[in-house]
């Protein structure tokens, strides 16, 4: 039995539960301005089948 997957284009505020099947097209680390050795976030570009 296949589970129902959501598409990235269908994301709306207020809903807290999602099920995605995605490919990470690009990933990079963002460093701090005053502390360039400190990673403050990891950014990603996600791609789904739609």
PDB file of N, CA and C in Angstrom:
ATOM      1  N   UNK A   1       0.843  -1.180   0.000  1.00  0.00           N
ATOM      2  CA  UNK A   1       0.000   0.000   0.000  1.00  0.00           C
ATOM      3  C   UNK A   1       0.891   1.247   0.000  1.00  0.00           C
ATOM      4  N   UNK A   2       0.670   2.110  -0.954  1.00  0.00           N
ATOM      5  CA  UNK A   2       1.466   3.332  -1.074  1.00  0.00           C
ATOM      6  C   UNK A   2       0.909   4.423  -0.161  1.00  0.00           C
ATOM      7  N   UNK A   3       1.808   5.129   0.497  1.00  0.00           N
ATOM      8  CA  UNK A   3       1.358   6.219   1.356  1.00  0.00           C
ATOM      9  C   UNK A   3       1.169   7.479   0.512  1.00  0.00           C
ATOM     10  N   UNK A   4       0.290   8.360   0.965  1.00  0.00           N
ATOM     11  CA  UNK A   4       0.014   9.603   0.243  1.00  0.00           C
ATOM     12  C   UNK A   4       1.146  10.586   0.500  1.00  0.00           C
ATOM     13  N   UNK A   5       1.687  11.135  -0.583  1.00  0.00           N
ATOM     14  CA  UNK A   5       2.757  12.121  -0.476  1.00  0.00           C
ATOM     15  C   UNK A   5       2.216  13.493  -0.832  1.00  0.00           C
ATOM     16  N   UNK A   6       2.766  14.515  -0.195  1.00  0.00           N
ATOM     17  CA  UNK A   6       2.416  15.903  -0.491  1.00  0.00           C
ATOM     18  C   UNK A   6       3.457  16.474  -1.450  1.00  0.00           C
ATOM     19  N   UNK A   7       3.053  17.498  -2.213  1.00  0.00           N
ATOM     20  CA  UNK A   7       3.973  18.184  -3.117  1.00  0.00           C
ATOM     21  C   UNK A   7       4.428  19.487  -2.473  1.00  0.00           C
ATOM     22  N   UNK A   8       5.626  19.916  -2.800  1.00  0.00           N
ATOM     23  CA  UNK A   8       6.172  21.146  -2.233  1.00  0.00           C
ATOM     24  C   UNK A   8       5.314  22.353  -2.598  1.00  0.00           C
ATOM     25  N   UNK A   9       4.702  22.342  -3.765  1.00  0.00           N
ATOM     26  CA  UNK A   9       3.866  23.467  -4.205  1.00  0.00           C
ATOM     27  C   UNK A   9       2.599  23.604  -3.364  1.00  0.00           C
ATOM     28  N   UNK A  10       2.225  22.559  -2.643  1.00  0.00           N
ATOM     29  CA  UNK A  10       1.008  22.571  -1.843  1.00  0.00           C
ATOM     30  C   UNK A  10       1.220  23.032  -0.401  1.00  0.00           C
ATOM     31  N   UNK A  11       2.432  23.438  -0.057  1.00  0.00           N
ATOM     32  CA  UNK A  11       2.733  23.870   1.321  1.00  0.00           C
ATOM     33  C   UNK A  11       1.984  25.167   1.630  1.00  0.00           C
ATOM     34  N   UNK A  12       1.274  25.148   2.749  1.00  0.00           N
ATOM     35  CA  UNK A  12       0.522  26.314   3.210  1.00  0.00           C
ATOM     36  C   UNK A  12       0.798  26.517   4.697  1.00  0.00           C
ATOM     37  N   UNK A  13       0.702  27.767   5.182  1.00  0.00           N
ATOM     38  CA  UNK A  13       0.894  27.997   6.619  1.00  0.00           C
ATOM     39  C   UNK A  13      -0.241  27.383   7.426  1.00  0.00           C
ATOM     40  N   UNK A  14       0.069  26.976   8.633  1.00  0.00           N
ATOM     41  CA  UNK A  14      -0.945  26.436   9.527  1.00  0.00           C
ATOM     42  C   UNK A  14      -0.915  24.926   9.633  1.00  0.00           C
ATOM     43  N   UNK A  15      -0.552  24.262   8.570  1.00  0.00           N
ATOM     44  CA  UNK A  15      -0.477  22.800   8.615  1.00  0.00           C
ATOM     45  C   UNK A  15       0.895  22.400   9.135  1.00  0.00           C
ATOM     46  N   UNK A  16       0.932  21.413  10.012  1.00  0.00           N
ATOM     47  CA  UNK A  16       2.201  21.055  10.645  1.00  0.00           C
ATOM     48  C   UNK A  16       2.696  19.657  10.287  1.00  0.00           C
ATOM     49  N   UNK A  17       1.907  18.872   9.601  1.00  0.00           N
ATOM     50  CA  UNK A  17       2.304  17.516   9.261  1.00  0.00           C
ATOM     51  C   UNK A  17       2.350  17.365   7.743  1.00  0.00           C
ATOM     52  N   UNK A  18       3.500  16.946   7.241  1.00  0.00           N
ATOM     53  CA  UNK A  18       3.705  16.786   5.804  1.00  0.00           C
ATOM     54  C   UNK A  18       4.441  15.485   5.550  1.00  0.00           C
ATOM     55  N   UNK A  19       4.301  14.967   4.329  1.00  0.00           N
ATOM     56  CA  UNK A  19       5.061  13.784   3.909  1.00  0.00           C
ATOM     57  C   UNK A  19       5.550  14.061   2.488  1.00  0.00           C
ATOM     58  N   UNK A  20       6.863  14.252   2.356  1.00  0.00           N
ATOM     59  CA  UNK A  20       7.477  14.590   1.082  1.00  0.00           C
ATOM     60  C   UNK A  20       8.432  13.497   0.638  1.00  0.00           C
ATOM     61  N   UNK A  21       8.568  13.368  -0.660  1.00  0.00           N
ATOM     62  CA  UNK A  21       9.653  12.592  -1.248  1.00  0.00           C
ATOM     63  C   UNK A  21      10.359  13.562  -2.181  1.00  0.00           C
ATOM     64  N   UNK A  22      11.559  13.988  -1.790  1.00  0.00           N
ATOM     65  CA  UNK A  22      12.261  15.040  -2.517  1.00  0.00           C
ATOM     66  C   UNK A  22      13.685  14.613  -2.834  1.00  0.00           C
ATOM     67  N   UNK A  23      14.272  15.389  -3.728  1.00  0.00           N
ATOM     68  CA  UNK A  23      15.692  15.266  -4.049  1.00  0.00           C
ATOM     69  C   UNK A  23      16.343  16.582  -3.646  1.00  0.00           C
ATOM     70  N   UNK A  24      17.493  16.506  -3.016  1.00  0.00           N
ATOM     71  CA  UNK A  24      18.226  17.715  -2.652  1.00  0.00           C
ATOM     72  C   UNK A  24      19.044  18.119  -3.875  1.00  0.00           C
ATOM     73  N   UNK A  25      18.637  19.224  -4.517  1.00  0.00           N
ATOM     74  CA  UNK A  25      19.304  19.680  -5.727  1.00  0.00           C
ATOM     75  C   UNK A  25      20.573  20.457  -5.398  1.00  0.00           C
ATOM     76  N   UNK A  26      20.552  21.161  -4.275  1.00  0.00           N
ATOM     77  CA  UNK A  26      21.700  21.978  -3.881  1.00  0.00           C
ATOM     78  C   UNK A  26      21.688  22.154  -2.365  1.00  0.00           C
ATOM     79  N   UNK A  27      22.859  22.156  -1.747  1.00  0.00           N
ATOM     80  CA  UNK A  27      22.962  22.348  -0.300  1.00  0.00           C
ATOM     81  C   UNK A  27      24.207  23.181  -0.005  1.00  0.00           C
ATOM     82  N   UNK A  28      24.096  24.113   0.954  1.00  0.00           N
ATOM     83  CA  UNK A  28      25.235  24.929   1.335  1.00  0.00           C
ATOM     84  C   UNK A  28      25.084  25.393   2.777  1.00  0.00           C
ATOM     85  N   UNK A  29      26.200  25.728   3.392  1.00  0.00           N
ATOM     86  CA  UNK A  29      26.221  26.220   4.762  1.00  0.00           C
ATOM     87  C   UNK A  29      26.328  27.735   4.753  1.00  0.00           C
ATOM     88  N   UNK A  30      25.626  28.384   5.673  1.00  0.00           N
ATOM     89  CA  UNK A  30      25.698  29.834   5.840  1.00  0.00           C
ATOM     90  C   UNK A  30      26.451  30.098   7.136  1.00  0.00           C
ATOM     91  N   UNK A  31      27.503  30.909   7.033  1.00  0.00           N
ATOM     92  CA  UNK A  31      28.313  31.204   8.215  1.00  0.00           C
ATOM     93  C   UNK A  31      27.925  32.557   8.799  1.00  0.00           C
ATOM     94  N   UNK A  32      28.304  32.761  10.044  1.00  0.00           N
ATOM     95  CA  UNK A  32      27.994  34.010  10.733  1.00  0.00           C
ATOM     96  C   UNK A  32      28.815  35.172  10.195  1.00  0.00           C
ATOM     97  N   UNK A  33      28.270  36.363  10.280  1.00  0.00           N
ATOM     98  CA  UNK A  33      28.957  37.557   9.786  1.00  0.00           C
ATOM     99  C   UNK A  33      30.161  37.902  10.672  1.00  0.00           C
ATOM    100  N   UNK A  34      29.940  37.902  11.981  1.00  0.00           N
ATOM    101  CA  UNK A  34      31.024  38.246  12.901  1.00  0.00           C
ATOM    102  C   UNK A  34      31.923  37.059  13.231  1.00  0.00           C
ATOM    103  N   UNK A  35      31.388  35.848  13.069  1.00  0.00           N
ATOM    104  CA  UNK A  35      32.159  34.632  13.325  1.00  0.00           C
ATOM    105  C   UNK A  35      32.066  33.736  12.085  1.00  0.00           C
ATOM    106  N   UNK A  36      32.911  33.970  11.100  1.00  0.00           N
ATOM    107  CA  UNK A  36      32.805  33.226   9.838  1.00  0.00           C
ATOM    108  C   UNK A  36      33.073  31.724   9.966  1.00  0.00           C
ATOM    109  N   UNK A  37      33.657  31.291  11.071  1.00  0.00           N
ATOM    110  CA  UNK A  37      33.902  29.869  11.303  1.00  0.00           C
ATOM    111  C   UNK A  37      32.669  29.167  11.880  1.00  0.00           C
ATOM    112  N   UNK A  38      31.651  29.922  12.283  1.00  0.00           N
ATOM    113  CA  UNK A  38      30.463  29.358  12.907  1.00  0.00           C
ATOM    114  C   UNK A  38      29.339  29.215  11.868  1.00  0.00           C
ATOM    115  N   UNK A  39      28.845  28.000  11.695  1.00  0.00           N
ATOM    116  CA  UNK A  39      27.736  27.751  10.774  1.00  0.00           C
ATOM    117  C   UNK A  39      26.436  28.122  11.488  1.00  0.00           C
ATOM    118  N   UNK A  40      25.661  29.039  10.891  1.00  0.00           N
ATOM    119  CA  UNK A  40      24.411  29.477  11.517  1.00  0.00           C
ATOM    120  C   UNK A  40      23.195  28.787  10.913  1.00  0.00           C
ATOM    121  N   UNK A  41      23.312  28.296   9.691  1.00  0.00           N
ATOM    122  CA  UNK A  41      22.204  27.541   9.089  1.00  0.00           C
ATOM    123  C   UNK A  41      22.714  26.726   7.912  1.00  0.00           C
ATOM    124  N   UNK A  42      21.910  25.761   7.529  1.00  0.00           N
ATOM    125  CA  UNK A  42      22.167  24.959   6.341  1.00  0.00           C
ATOM    126  C   UNK A  42      20.984  25.177   5.408  1.00  0.00           C
ATOM    127  N   UNK A  43      21.245  25.643   4.210  1.00  0.00           N
ATOM    128  CA  UNK A  43      20.209  25.951   3.228  1.00  0.00           C
ATOM    129  C   UNK A  43      20.148  24.843   2.187  1.00  0.00           C
ATOM    130  N   UNK A  44      18.945  24.569   1.680  1.00  0.00           N
ATOM    131  CA  UNK A  44      18.770  23.526   0.676  1.00  0.00           C
ATOM    132  C   UNK A  44      17.758  23.953  -0.375  1.00  0.00           C
ATOM    133  N   UNK A  45      17.969  23.505  -1.590  1.00  0.00           N
ATOM    134  CA  UNK A  45      16.977  23.611  -2.653  1.00  0.00           C
ATOM    135  C   UNK A  45      16.428  22.205  -2.852  1.00  0.00           C
ATOM    136  N   UNK A  46      15.124  22.050  -2.630  1.00  0.00           N
ATOM    137  CA  UNK A  46      14.480  20.745  -2.737  1.00  0.00           C
ATOM    138  C   UNK A  46      13.663  20.665  -4.023  1.00  0.00           C
ATOM    139  N   UNK A  47      13.632  19.481  -4.632  1.00  0.00           N
ATOM    140  CA  UNK A  47      12.880  19.259  -5.863  1.00  0.00           C
ATOM    141  C   UNK A  47      12.030  18.006  -5.667  1.00  0.00           C
ATOM    142  N   UNK A  48      10.735  18.119  -5.969  1.00  0.00           N
ATOM    143  CA  UNK A  48       9.881  16.934  -5.923  1.00  0.00           C
ATOM    144  C   UNK A  48       9.521  16.515  -7.352  1.00  0.00           C
ATOM    145  N   UNK A  49       8.681  15.533  -7.505  1.00  0.00           N
ATOM    146  CA  UNK A  49       8.363  15.001  -8.826  1.00  0.00           C
ATOM    147  C   UNK A  49       7.442  15.897  -9.644  1.00  0.00           C
ATOM    148  N   UNK A  50       6.838  16.866  -9.004  1.00  0.00           N
ATOM    149  CA  UNK A  50       5.928  17.777  -9.703  1.00  0.00           C
ATOM    150  C   UNK A  50       6.725  18.912 -10.265  1.00  0.00           C
TER     151      UNK A  50
END
